């Protein structure tokens, strides 16, 4: 039984924090722009309609206050972090190297973006990832922050293995349900 529903503004990431998320099963529905909370221990599959359940489960771990999983980027398997408060989809340098990107790669472009915390406009090096697959869901032409000079990129920059941080731009187009107590998650279109 649902405990709480909140309508979301479609442009903002949702900063939940794992200490909060441990108290509930969380249903973050980007399409419906809705956050629903269920009692902790609720199986994510029980929140989905029966037709949505097939292939919805994804392997996750809840370690060190983050949600870790695996993704496929342009056909390359990589470790990944799902961060509901992150405003980008961000590959680290090792993943970009594995994908064949070079420093002056023609696939990079600059885009002026407004920071959600300060409102300041910053110029960010971006690229488009041809595909990002999480579980059975494949997103095409995913806009990605690929700027190693930005301080925020250091979150994934500390990893030396190929790594992807999945944030609001991908989550906002899908439905992500997780429960820390059962250690289960689902990701659906």
N, C-alpha and C. Protein backbone atom coordinates (compact mmCIF):
# COMPACT_ATOMS: atom_id res chain seq x y z
N UNK A 1 0.84 -1.18 0.00
CA UNK A 1 0.00 0.00 0.00
C UNK A 1 0.89 1.24 0.00
N UNK A 2 0.54 2.15 -0.86
CA UNK A 2 1.30 3.38 -1.01
C UNK A 2 1.17 4.26 0.23
N UNK A 3 2.28 4.84 0.67
CA UNK A 3 2.29 5.72 1.84
C UNK A 3 2.14 7.18 1.44
N UNK A 4 2.82 7.58 0.34
CA UNK A 4 2.89 8.99 -0.01
C UNK A 4 3.15 9.14 -1.50
N UNK A 5 2.55 10.16 -2.11
CA UNK A 5 2.79 10.49 -3.52
C UNK A 5 3.13 11.96 -3.61
N UNK A 6 4.14 12.28 -4.43
CA UNK A 6 4.56 13.65 -4.65
C UNK A 6 4.69 13.88 -6.14
N UNK A 7 4.06 14.93 -6.65
CA UNK A 7 4.26 15.31 -8.05
C UNK A 7 5.57 16.06 -8.15
N UNK A 8 6.30 15.80 -9.24
CA UNK A 8 7.64 16.37 -9.40
C UNK A 8 7.67 17.42 -10.48
N UNK A 9 8.48 18.45 -10.28
CA UNK A 9 8.77 19.41 -11.34
C UNK A 9 9.70 18.70 -12.32
N UNK A 10 9.38 18.75 -13.61
CA UNK A 10 10.09 17.91 -14.57
C UNK A 10 11.53 18.31 -14.84
N UNK A 11 12.01 19.42 -14.37
CA UNK A 11 13.37 19.83 -14.69
C UNK A 11 14.37 19.56 -13.57
N UNK A 12 13.90 19.09 -12.42
CA UNK A 12 14.80 18.98 -11.28
C UNK A 12 15.18 17.54 -10.96
N UNK A 13 16.45 17.27 -10.64
CA UNK A 13 16.80 15.97 -10.08
C UNK A 13 16.18 15.84 -8.69
N UNK A 14 16.04 14.61 -8.24
CA UNK A 14 15.45 14.33 -6.94
C UNK A 14 16.54 13.88 -5.98
N UNK A 15 16.85 14.71 -5.00
CA UNK A 15 17.88 14.39 -4.02
C UNK A 15 17.25 13.61 -2.87
N UNK A 16 17.36 12.28 -2.92
CA UNK A 16 16.73 11.46 -1.90
C UNK A 16 17.66 11.17 -0.73
N UNK A 17 18.87 10.77 -1.01
CA UNK A 17 19.79 10.37 0.05
C UNK A 17 19.46 8.97 0.53
N UNK A 18 20.48 8.17 0.75
CA UNK A 18 20.26 6.77 1.12
C UNK A 18 19.69 6.64 2.53
N UNK A 19 19.98 7.55 3.43
CA UNK A 19 19.40 7.44 4.77
C UNK A 19 17.88 7.60 4.70
N UNK A 20 17.40 8.44 3.80
CA UNK A 20 15.96 8.57 3.56
C UNK A 20 15.43 7.34 2.84
N UNK A 21 16.13 6.92 1.78
CA UNK A 21 15.66 5.81 0.95
C UNK A 21 15.60 4.50 1.73
N UNK A 22 16.40 4.34 2.77
CA UNK A 22 16.37 3.11 3.55
C UNK A 22 15.05 2.93 4.31
N UNK A 23 14.30 4.01 4.46
CA UNK A 23 13.05 3.94 5.23
C UNK A 23 11.84 3.58 4.37
N UNK A 24 12.03 3.53 3.03
CA UNK A 24 10.90 3.31 2.13
C UNK A 24 11.32 2.47 0.93
N UNK A 25 10.34 1.87 0.26
CA UNK A 25 10.52 1.41 -1.12
C UNK A 25 10.16 2.63 -1.96
N UNK A 26 11.00 2.96 -2.93
CA UNK A 26 10.86 4.20 -3.69
C UNK A 26 10.48 3.89 -5.13
N UNK A 27 9.44 4.56 -5.61
CA UNK A 27 8.99 4.45 -7.00
C UNK A 27 9.15 5.83 -7.63
N UNK A 28 10.21 6.00 -8.42
CA UNK A 28 10.49 7.27 -9.09
C UNK A 28 10.07 7.11 -10.54
N UNK A 29 8.92 7.66 -10.89
CA UNK A 29 8.33 7.51 -12.22
C UNK A 29 8.55 8.80 -13.00
N UNK A 30 9.59 8.80 -13.83
CA UNK A 30 9.94 9.99 -14.60
C UNK A 30 8.87 10.42 -15.57
N UNK A 31 8.24 9.45 -16.27
CA UNK A 31 7.19 9.79 -17.23
C UNK A 31 6.01 10.49 -16.56
N UNK A 32 5.58 9.94 -15.44
CA UNK A 32 4.43 10.50 -14.72
C UNK A 32 4.82 11.70 -13.86
N UNK A 33 6.14 11.97 -13.77
CA UNK A 33 6.65 13.05 -12.92
C UNK A 33 6.11 12.89 -11.51
N UNK A 34 6.37 11.67 -10.97
CA UNK A 34 5.79 11.32 -9.68
C UNK A 34 6.77 10.49 -8.86
N UNK A 35 6.82 10.78 -7.58
CA UNK A 35 7.57 10.00 -6.60
C UNK A 35 6.56 9.39 -5.66
N UNK A 36 6.59 8.05 -5.54
CA UNK A 36 5.70 7.37 -4.60
C UNK A 36 6.55 6.59 -3.60
N UNK A 37 6.10 6.58 -2.36
CA UNK A 37 6.80 5.87 -1.30
C UNK A 37 5.91 4.75 -0.77
N UNK A 38 6.54 3.58 -0.53
CA UNK A 38 5.86 2.42 0.00
C UNK A 38 6.61 1.97 1.24
N UNK A 39 6.01 1.13 2.07
CA UNK A 39 6.73 0.66 3.26
C UNK A 39 8.03 -0.04 2.88
N UNK A 40 9.08 0.19 3.65
CA UNK A 40 10.35 -0.51 3.43
C UNK A 40 10.08 -2.00 3.46
N UNK A 41 10.75 -2.73 2.57
CA UNK A 41 10.54 -4.16 2.47
C UNK A 41 9.56 -4.56 1.39
N UNK A 42 8.98 -3.57 0.70
CA UNK A 42 8.06 -3.86 -0.40
C UNK A 42 8.86 -4.29 -1.62
N UNK A 43 8.51 -5.42 -2.19
CA UNK A 43 9.19 -5.92 -3.39
C UNK A 43 8.89 -4.98 -4.56
N UNK A 44 9.92 -4.43 -5.22
CA UNK A 44 9.67 -3.52 -6.35
C UNK A 44 8.75 -4.12 -7.43
N UNK A 45 8.84 -5.42 -7.68
CA UNK A 45 7.96 -6.03 -8.69
C UNK A 45 6.50 -5.96 -8.30
N UNK A 46 6.20 -5.95 -7.00
CA UNK A 46 4.80 -5.87 -6.58
C UNK A 46 4.20 -4.49 -6.83
N UNK A 47 5.04 -3.49 -7.02
CA UNK A 47 4.57 -2.14 -7.30
C UNK A 47 4.18 -1.99 -8.78
N UNK A 48 4.82 -2.79 -9.63
CA UNK A 48 4.56 -2.72 -11.08
C UNK A 48 3.30 -3.49 -11.46
N UNK A 49 2.67 -3.07 -12.54
CA UNK A 49 1.59 -3.85 -13.13
C UNK A 49 2.18 -5.13 -13.69
N UNK A 50 1.40 -6.20 -13.75
CA UNK A 50 1.90 -7.49 -14.20
C UNK A 50 2.63 -7.42 -15.54
N UNK A 51 2.11 -6.72 -16.58
CA UNK A 51 2.83 -6.69 -17.87
C UNK A 51 4.19 -6.00 -17.79
N UNK A 52 4.39 -5.10 -16.83
CA UNK A 52 5.66 -4.38 -16.69
C UNK A 52 6.74 -5.21 -15.99
N UNK A 53 6.36 -6.27 -15.31
CA UNK A 53 7.30 -7.03 -14.48
C UNK A 53 8.33 -7.81 -15.29
N UNK A 54 7.97 -8.29 -16.47
CA UNK A 54 8.88 -9.14 -17.26
C UNK A 54 10.14 -8.35 -17.61
N UNK A 55 11.27 -8.81 -17.14
CA UNK A 55 12.55 -8.18 -17.47
C UNK A 55 12.82 -6.87 -16.77
N UNK A 56 11.99 -6.49 -15.80
CA UNK A 56 12.16 -5.19 -15.15
C UNK A 56 13.26 -5.21 -14.09
N UNK A 57 13.51 -6.35 -13.45
CA UNK A 57 14.49 -6.41 -12.37
C UNK A 57 15.90 -6.14 -12.88
N UNK A 58 16.65 -5.38 -12.11
CA UNK A 58 18.06 -5.14 -12.42
C UNK A 58 18.88 -5.52 -11.19
N UNK A 59 20.10 -5.99 -11.43
CA UNK A 59 21.01 -6.32 -10.34
C UNK A 59 21.59 -5.04 -9.77
N UNK A 60 21.46 -4.85 -8.47
CA UNK A 60 22.00 -3.67 -7.81
C UNK A 60 22.64 -4.08 -6.49
N UNK A 61 23.52 -3.22 -6.01
CA UNK A 61 24.01 -3.31 -4.64
C UNK A 61 23.81 -1.95 -4.02
N UNK A 62 23.64 -1.94 -2.73
CA UNK A 62 23.47 -0.70 -1.98
C UNK A 62 24.62 -0.62 -0.99
N UNK A 63 25.76 -0.16 -1.48
CA UNK A 63 26.97 -0.09 -0.65
C UNK A 63 27.45 1.35 -0.56
N UNK A 64 27.98 1.70 0.61
CA UNK A 64 28.59 3.01 0.80
C UNK A 64 27.66 4.14 0.37
N UNK A 65 26.38 4.02 0.70
CA UNK A 65 25.41 5.08 0.45
C UNK A 65 25.12 5.34 -1.03
N UNK A 66 25.43 4.38 -1.91
CA UNK A 66 25.14 4.55 -3.34
C UNK A 66 24.49 3.29 -3.90
N UNK A 67 23.84 3.46 -5.03
CA UNK A 67 23.23 2.35 -5.74
C UNK A 67 24.14 2.01 -6.91
N UNK A 68 24.74 0.83 -6.85
CA UNK A 68 25.67 0.38 -7.89
C UNK A 68 25.00 -0.69 -8.75
N UNK A 69 25.32 -0.70 -10.03
CA UNK A 69 24.79 -1.67 -10.97
C UNK A 69 25.76 -1.79 -12.15
N UNK A 70 25.30 -2.35 -13.24
CA UNK A 70 26.05 -2.40 -14.49
C UNK A 70 25.18 -1.86 -15.60
N UNK A 71 25.81 -1.30 -16.61
CA UNK A 71 25.11 -0.79 -17.78
C UNK A 71 25.92 -1.16 -19.01
N UNK A 72 25.30 -1.06 -20.15
CA UNK A 72 26.01 -1.20 -21.42
C UNK A 72 25.93 0.15 -22.13
N UNK A 73 27.09 0.66 -22.48
CA UNK A 73 27.17 1.95 -23.19
C UNK A 73 27.77 1.68 -24.56
N UNK A 74 27.02 1.97 -25.59
CA UNK A 74 27.46 1.72 -26.97
C UNK A 74 27.99 0.28 -27.11
N UNK A 75 27.34 -0.67 -26.40
CA UNK A 75 27.72 -2.07 -26.48
C UNK A 75 28.83 -2.49 -25.53
N UNK A 76 29.36 -1.57 -24.73
CA UNK A 76 30.44 -1.87 -23.78
C UNK A 76 29.86 -1.97 -22.36
N UNK A 77 30.08 -3.11 -21.71
CA UNK A 77 29.60 -3.29 -20.34
C UNK A 77 30.48 -2.48 -19.39
N UNK A 78 29.82 -1.80 -18.44
CA UNK A 78 30.55 -0.95 -17.51
C UNK A 78 29.87 -0.95 -16.14
N UNK A 79 30.65 -0.73 -15.11
CA UNK A 79 30.09 -0.49 -13.78
C UNK A 79 29.35 0.84 -13.83
N UNK A 80 28.30 0.97 -13.02
CA UNK A 80 27.52 2.20 -13.05
C UNK A 80 26.96 2.50 -11.66
N UNK A 81 26.69 3.77 -11.45
CA UNK A 81 26.04 4.25 -10.24
C UNK A 81 24.76 4.94 -10.66
N UNK A 82 23.67 4.66 -9.95
CA UNK A 82 22.42 5.38 -10.18
C UNK A 82 22.31 6.42 -9.08
N UNK A 83 22.20 7.68 -9.50
CA UNK A 83 22.16 8.80 -8.56
C UNK A 83 20.99 9.69 -8.91
N UNK A 84 19.92 9.60 -8.13
CA UNK A 84 18.69 10.35 -8.43
C UNK A 84 18.88 11.86 -8.35
N UNK A 85 19.93 12.32 -7.68
CA UNK A 85 20.18 13.75 -7.56
C UNK A 85 21.18 14.30 -8.56
N UNK A 86 21.71 13.44 -9.42
CA UNK A 86 22.73 13.87 -10.38
C UNK A 86 22.05 14.42 -11.63
N UNK A 87 22.50 15.55 -12.12
CA UNK A 87 21.87 16.23 -13.24
C UNK A 87 22.38 15.84 -14.61
N UNK A 88 23.20 14.78 -14.69
CA UNK A 88 23.78 14.38 -15.96
C UNK A 88 23.82 12.86 -16.08
N UNK A 89 24.19 12.38 -17.23
CA UNK A 89 24.67 11.01 -17.43
C UNK A 89 26.14 11.20 -17.75
N UNK A 90 27.03 10.69 -16.87
CA UNK A 90 28.44 11.04 -16.93
C UNK A 90 29.34 9.81 -17.02
N UNK A 91 30.01 9.62 -18.15
CA UNK A 91 31.04 8.57 -18.22
C UNK A 91 32.36 9.13 -17.71
N UNK A 92 33.17 8.26 -17.09
CA UNK A 92 34.49 8.74 -16.68
C UNK A 92 35.46 8.61 -17.86
N UNK A 93 36.67 9.11 -17.67
CA UNK A 93 37.68 9.08 -18.73
C UNK A 93 38.01 7.68 -19.21
N UNK A 94 38.04 6.70 -18.28
CA UNK A 94 38.35 5.32 -18.67
C UNK A 94 37.27 4.75 -19.59
N UNK A 95 36.01 5.08 -19.33
CA UNK A 95 34.94 4.61 -20.20
C UNK A 95 35.01 5.32 -21.56
N UNK A 96 35.25 6.62 -21.54
CA UNK A 96 35.39 7.34 -22.81
C UNK A 96 36.55 6.78 -23.64
N UNK A 97 37.66 6.46 -22.97
CA UNK A 97 38.80 5.84 -23.67
C UNK A 97 38.39 4.50 -24.27
N UNK A 98 37.69 3.69 -23.49
CA UNK A 98 37.26 2.38 -23.97
C UNK A 98 36.31 2.51 -25.17
N UNK A 99 35.54 3.59 -25.20
CA UNK A 99 34.61 3.84 -26.30
C UNK A 99 35.29 4.47 -27.50
N UNK A 100 36.59 4.75 -27.38
CA UNK A 100 37.36 5.28 -28.51
C UNK A 100 37.37 6.79 -28.62
N UNK A 101 36.94 7.51 -27.58
CA UNK A 101 37.00 8.97 -27.60
C UNK A 101 38.43 9.43 -27.36
N UNK A 102 38.82 10.50 -28.02
CA UNK A 102 40.13 11.11 -27.83
C UNK A 102 39.94 12.56 -27.41
N UNK A 103 41.01 13.23 -26.96
CA UNK A 103 40.90 14.58 -26.42
C UNK A 103 40.18 15.56 -27.33
N UNK A 104 40.53 15.60 -28.59
CA UNK A 104 39.92 16.55 -29.52
C UNK A 104 38.91 15.87 -30.43
N UNK A 105 38.21 14.88 -29.91
CA UNK A 105 37.26 14.09 -30.68
C UNK A 105 36.14 14.97 -31.25
N UNK A 106 35.81 14.74 -32.50
CA UNK A 106 34.75 15.52 -33.16
C UNK A 106 33.37 15.26 -32.55
N UNK A 107 33.24 14.20 -31.76
CA UNK A 107 31.94 13.89 -31.14
C UNK A 107 31.66 14.76 -29.92
N UNK A 108 32.66 15.53 -29.46
CA UNK A 108 32.45 16.45 -28.34
C UNK A 108 31.89 17.77 -28.86
N UNK A 109 31.07 18.41 -28.04
CA UNK A 109 30.59 19.76 -28.35
C UNK A 109 30.39 20.48 -27.02
N UNK A 110 30.30 21.80 -27.08
CA UNK A 110 30.10 22.61 -25.88
C UNK A 110 28.64 23.01 -25.80
N UNK A 111 28.14 23.03 -24.58
CA UNK A 111 26.75 23.45 -24.35
C UNK A 111 26.70 24.29 -23.08
N UNK A 112 26.01 25.41 -23.14
CA UNK A 112 25.81 26.25 -21.96
C UNK A 112 24.63 25.71 -21.18
N UNK A 113 24.87 25.42 -19.90
CA UNK A 113 23.83 24.86 -19.04
C UNK A 113 23.71 25.68 -17.77
N UNK A 114 22.51 25.72 -17.22
CA UNK A 114 22.29 26.41 -15.96
C UNK A 114 22.44 25.43 -14.81
N UNK A 115 23.29 25.76 -13.85
CA UNK A 115 23.47 24.90 -12.68
C UNK A 115 22.22 24.97 -11.83
N UNK A 116 21.76 23.80 -11.37
CA UNK A 116 20.52 23.76 -10.60
C UNK A 116 20.69 24.37 -9.21
N UNK A 117 21.89 24.30 -8.63
CA UNK A 117 22.08 24.83 -7.28
C UNK A 117 22.30 26.33 -7.25
N UNK A 118 23.07 26.87 -8.21
CA UNK A 118 23.42 28.29 -8.16
C UNK A 118 22.69 29.13 -9.21
N UNK A 119 22.15 28.48 -10.24
CA UNK A 119 21.52 29.22 -11.34
C UNK A 119 22.52 29.79 -12.32
N UNK A 120 23.80 29.60 -12.05
CA UNK A 120 24.87 30.12 -12.90
C UNK A 120 24.92 29.35 -14.21
N UNK A 121 25.24 30.03 -15.31
CA UNK A 121 25.40 29.39 -16.61
C UNK A 121 26.86 28.96 -16.75
N UNK A 122 27.06 27.69 -17.09
CA UNK A 122 28.41 27.17 -17.29
C UNK A 122 28.48 26.49 -18.65
N UNK A 123 29.64 26.56 -19.28
CA UNK A 123 29.87 25.89 -20.56
C UNK A 123 30.45 24.51 -20.26
N UNK A 124 29.79 23.47 -20.76
CA UNK A 124 30.15 22.09 -20.44
C UNK A 124 30.46 21.34 -21.72
N UNK A 125 31.54 20.55 -21.68
CA UNK A 125 31.83 19.67 -22.82
C UNK A 125 30.88 18.48 -22.74
N UNK A 126 30.18 18.23 -23.83
CA UNK A 126 29.17 17.19 -23.89
C UNK A 126 29.46 16.25 -25.05
N UNK A 127 28.78 15.13 -25.05
CA UNK A 127 28.76 14.21 -26.17
C UNK A 127 27.42 13.51 -26.16
N UNK A 128 27.13 12.77 -27.18
CA UNK A 128 25.92 11.96 -27.23
C UNK A 128 26.35 10.50 -27.28
N UNK A 129 25.91 9.73 -26.30
CA UNK A 129 26.18 8.29 -26.29
C UNK A 129 25.11 7.63 -27.15
N UNK A 130 25.52 6.80 -28.10
CA UNK A 130 24.56 6.19 -29.03
C UNK A 130 23.51 5.38 -28.29
N UNK A 131 23.93 4.62 -27.27
CA UNK A 131 22.95 3.86 -26.50
C UNK A 131 23.47 3.62 -25.09
N UNK A 132 22.54 3.65 -24.16
CA UNK A 132 22.81 3.28 -22.77
C UNK A 132 21.72 2.28 -22.39
N UNK A 133 22.16 1.09 -21.98
CA UNK A 133 21.21 0.05 -21.61
C UNK A 133 21.38 -0.29 -20.15
N UNK A 134 20.25 -0.27 -19.44
CA UNK A 134 20.20 -0.63 -18.03
C UNK A 134 19.13 -1.71 -17.91
N UNK A 135 19.55 -2.92 -17.56
CA UNK A 135 18.62 -4.04 -17.58
C UNK A 135 18.16 -4.28 -19.01
N UNK A 136 16.86 -4.40 -19.20
CA UNK A 136 16.30 -4.61 -20.54
C UNK A 136 15.91 -3.31 -21.23
N UNK A 137 16.17 -2.17 -20.61
CA UNK A 137 15.77 -0.88 -21.17
C UNK A 137 16.97 -0.25 -21.88
N UNK A 138 16.76 0.10 -23.13
CA UNK A 138 17.83 0.71 -23.93
C UNK A 138 17.39 2.11 -24.35
N UNK A 139 18.16 3.11 -23.95
CA UNK A 139 17.90 4.50 -24.34
C UNK A 139 18.88 4.87 -25.45
N UNK A 140 18.38 5.55 -26.47
CA UNK A 140 19.21 5.93 -27.61
C UNK A 140 19.53 7.42 -27.56
N UNK A 141 20.69 7.77 -28.10
CA UNK A 141 21.12 9.17 -28.22
C UNK A 141 21.02 9.91 -26.89
N UNK A 142 21.75 9.41 -25.91
CA UNK A 142 21.71 9.96 -24.55
C UNK A 142 22.73 11.09 -24.43
N UNK A 143 22.24 12.29 -24.17
CA UNK A 143 23.11 13.45 -23.96
C UNK A 143 23.94 13.21 -22.71
N UNK A 144 25.24 13.45 -22.81
CA UNK A 144 26.14 13.09 -21.73
C UNK A 144 27.15 14.19 -21.44
N UNK A 145 27.36 14.44 -20.16
CA UNK A 145 28.42 15.32 -19.68
C UNK A 145 29.73 14.57 -19.85
N UNK A 146 30.67 15.14 -20.59
CA UNK A 146 31.96 14.47 -20.82
C UNK A 146 33.10 15.46 -20.61
N UNK A 147 32.98 16.25 -19.56
CA UNK A 147 33.93 17.33 -19.32
C UNK A 147 34.84 17.01 -18.14
N UNK A 148 36.06 16.54 -18.41
CA UNK A 148 36.95 16.16 -17.31
C UNK A 148 37.44 17.34 -16.49
N UNK A 149 37.29 18.55 -17.00
CA UNK A 149 37.77 19.73 -16.28
C UNK A 149 36.78 20.23 -15.23
N UNK A 150 35.53 19.77 -15.31
CA UNK A 150 34.55 20.24 -14.33
C UNK A 150 34.76 19.53 -12.99
N UNK A 151 34.65 20.28 -11.94
CA UNK A 151 34.85 19.73 -10.60
C UNK A 151 33.87 18.58 -10.32
N UNK A 152 32.63 18.72 -10.77
CA UNK A 152 31.62 17.69 -10.51
C UNK A 152 31.99 16.37 -11.16
N UNK A 153 32.74 16.41 -12.25
CA UNK A 153 33.13 15.18 -12.93
C UNK A 153 34.06 14.33 -12.07
N UNK A 154 34.65 14.93 -11.03
CA UNK A 154 35.56 14.17 -10.19
C UNK A 154 34.85 13.05 -9.43
N UNK A 155 33.53 13.11 -9.34
CA UNK A 155 32.78 12.05 -8.68
C UNK A 155 33.07 10.72 -9.38
N UNK A 156 33.02 10.70 -10.69
CA UNK A 156 33.34 9.48 -11.42
C UNK A 156 34.83 9.42 -11.75
N UNK A 157 35.51 10.55 -11.69
CA UNK A 157 36.93 10.60 -12.01
C UNK A 157 37.81 9.84 -11.04
N UNK A 158 37.30 9.58 -9.84
CA UNK A 158 38.08 8.81 -8.86
C UNK A 158 38.17 7.34 -9.23
N UNK A 159 37.29 6.89 -10.10
CA UNK A 159 37.33 5.49 -10.54
C UNK A 159 38.30 5.36 -11.70
N UNK A 160 39.14 4.33 -11.67
CA UNK A 160 40.09 4.12 -12.76
C UNK A 160 39.57 3.10 -13.77
N UNK A 161 38.54 2.34 -13.39
CA UNK A 161 37.92 1.41 -14.32
C UNK A 161 36.79 2.13 -15.06
N UNK A 162 36.37 1.63 -16.22
CA UNK A 162 35.25 2.28 -16.92
C UNK A 162 34.03 2.37 -16.01
N UNK A 163 33.41 3.56 -15.97
CA UNK A 163 32.35 3.81 -14.99
C UNK A 163 31.39 4.86 -15.54
N UNK A 164 30.11 4.69 -15.25
CA UNK A 164 29.08 5.61 -15.70
C UNK A 164 28.23 6.02 -14.53
N UNK A 165 28.02 7.31 -14.36
CA UNK A 165 27.10 7.82 -13.35
C UNK A 165 25.79 8.18 -14.07
N UNK A 166 24.72 7.51 -13.67
CA UNK A 166 23.41 7.68 -14.31
C UNK A 166 22.58 8.61 -13.44
N UNK A 167 22.21 9.76 -14.01
CA UNK A 167 21.44 10.75 -13.28
C UNK A 167 20.10 11.04 -13.91
N UNK A 168 19.57 12.18 -13.54
CA UNK A 168 18.21 12.57 -13.88
C UNK A 168 17.87 12.56 -15.36
N UNK A 169 18.77 12.96 -16.28
CA UNK A 169 18.38 12.94 -17.69
C UNK A 169 17.91 11.57 -18.18
N UNK A 170 18.49 10.49 -17.69
CA UNK A 170 18.03 9.16 -18.08
C UNK A 170 16.87 8.70 -17.20
N UNK A 171 16.94 8.98 -15.91
CA UNK A 171 15.87 8.58 -15.00
C UNK A 171 14.56 9.29 -15.30
N UNK A 172 14.62 10.52 -15.77
CA UNK A 172 13.40 11.29 -16.00
C UNK A 172 12.55 10.74 -17.15
N UNK A 173 13.13 9.90 -17.99
CA UNK A 173 12.39 9.30 -19.10
C UNK A 173 11.97 7.86 -18.81
N UNK A 174 12.21 7.38 -17.58
CA UNK A 174 11.93 5.99 -17.25
C UNK A 174 11.35 5.90 -15.84
N UNK A 175 11.14 4.69 -15.40
CA UNK A 175 10.64 4.44 -14.05
C UNK A 175 11.64 3.57 -13.32
N UNK A 176 12.10 4.05 -12.17
CA UNK A 176 13.09 3.36 -11.35
C UNK A 176 12.48 3.10 -9.99
N UNK A 177 12.41 1.83 -9.61
CA UNK A 177 11.83 1.43 -8.33
C UNK A 177 12.89 0.65 -7.57
N UNK A 178 13.10 0.99 -6.30
CA UNK A 178 14.08 0.25 -5.52
C UNK A 178 13.69 0.18 -4.05
N UNK A 179 14.20 -0.85 -3.40
CA UNK A 179 13.98 -1.02 -1.97
C UNK A 179 15.29 -1.52 -1.36
N UNK A 180 15.85 -0.74 -0.47
CA UNK A 180 17.13 -1.07 0.14
C UNK A 180 17.00 -2.32 1.01
N UNK A 181 15.89 -2.45 1.73
CA UNK A 181 15.74 -3.59 2.64
C UNK A 181 15.73 -4.92 1.89
N UNK A 182 15.01 -5.01 0.77
CA UNK A 182 14.98 -6.26 0.00
C UNK A 182 16.17 -6.36 -0.95
N UNK A 183 16.90 -5.24 -1.11
CA UNK A 183 18.07 -5.17 -2.00
C UNK A 183 17.68 -5.49 -3.44
N UNK A 184 16.52 -4.98 -3.84
CA UNK A 184 16.02 -5.23 -5.18
C UNK A 184 15.66 -3.92 -5.86
N UNK A 185 15.70 -3.95 -7.20
CA UNK A 185 15.37 -2.77 -7.99
C UNK A 185 14.77 -3.19 -9.31
N UNK A 186 14.02 -2.28 -9.92
CA UNK A 186 13.44 -2.50 -11.25
C UNK A 186 13.59 -1.21 -12.04
N UNK A 187 13.77 -1.37 -13.34
CA UNK A 187 13.91 -0.23 -14.26
C UNK A 187 13.07 -0.53 -15.49
N UNK A 188 12.10 0.33 -15.78
CA UNK A 188 11.19 0.09 -16.90
C UNK A 188 11.04 1.36 -17.74
N UNK A 189 10.65 1.17 -19.01
CA UNK A 189 10.43 2.35 -19.87
C UNK A 189 9.35 3.26 -19.34
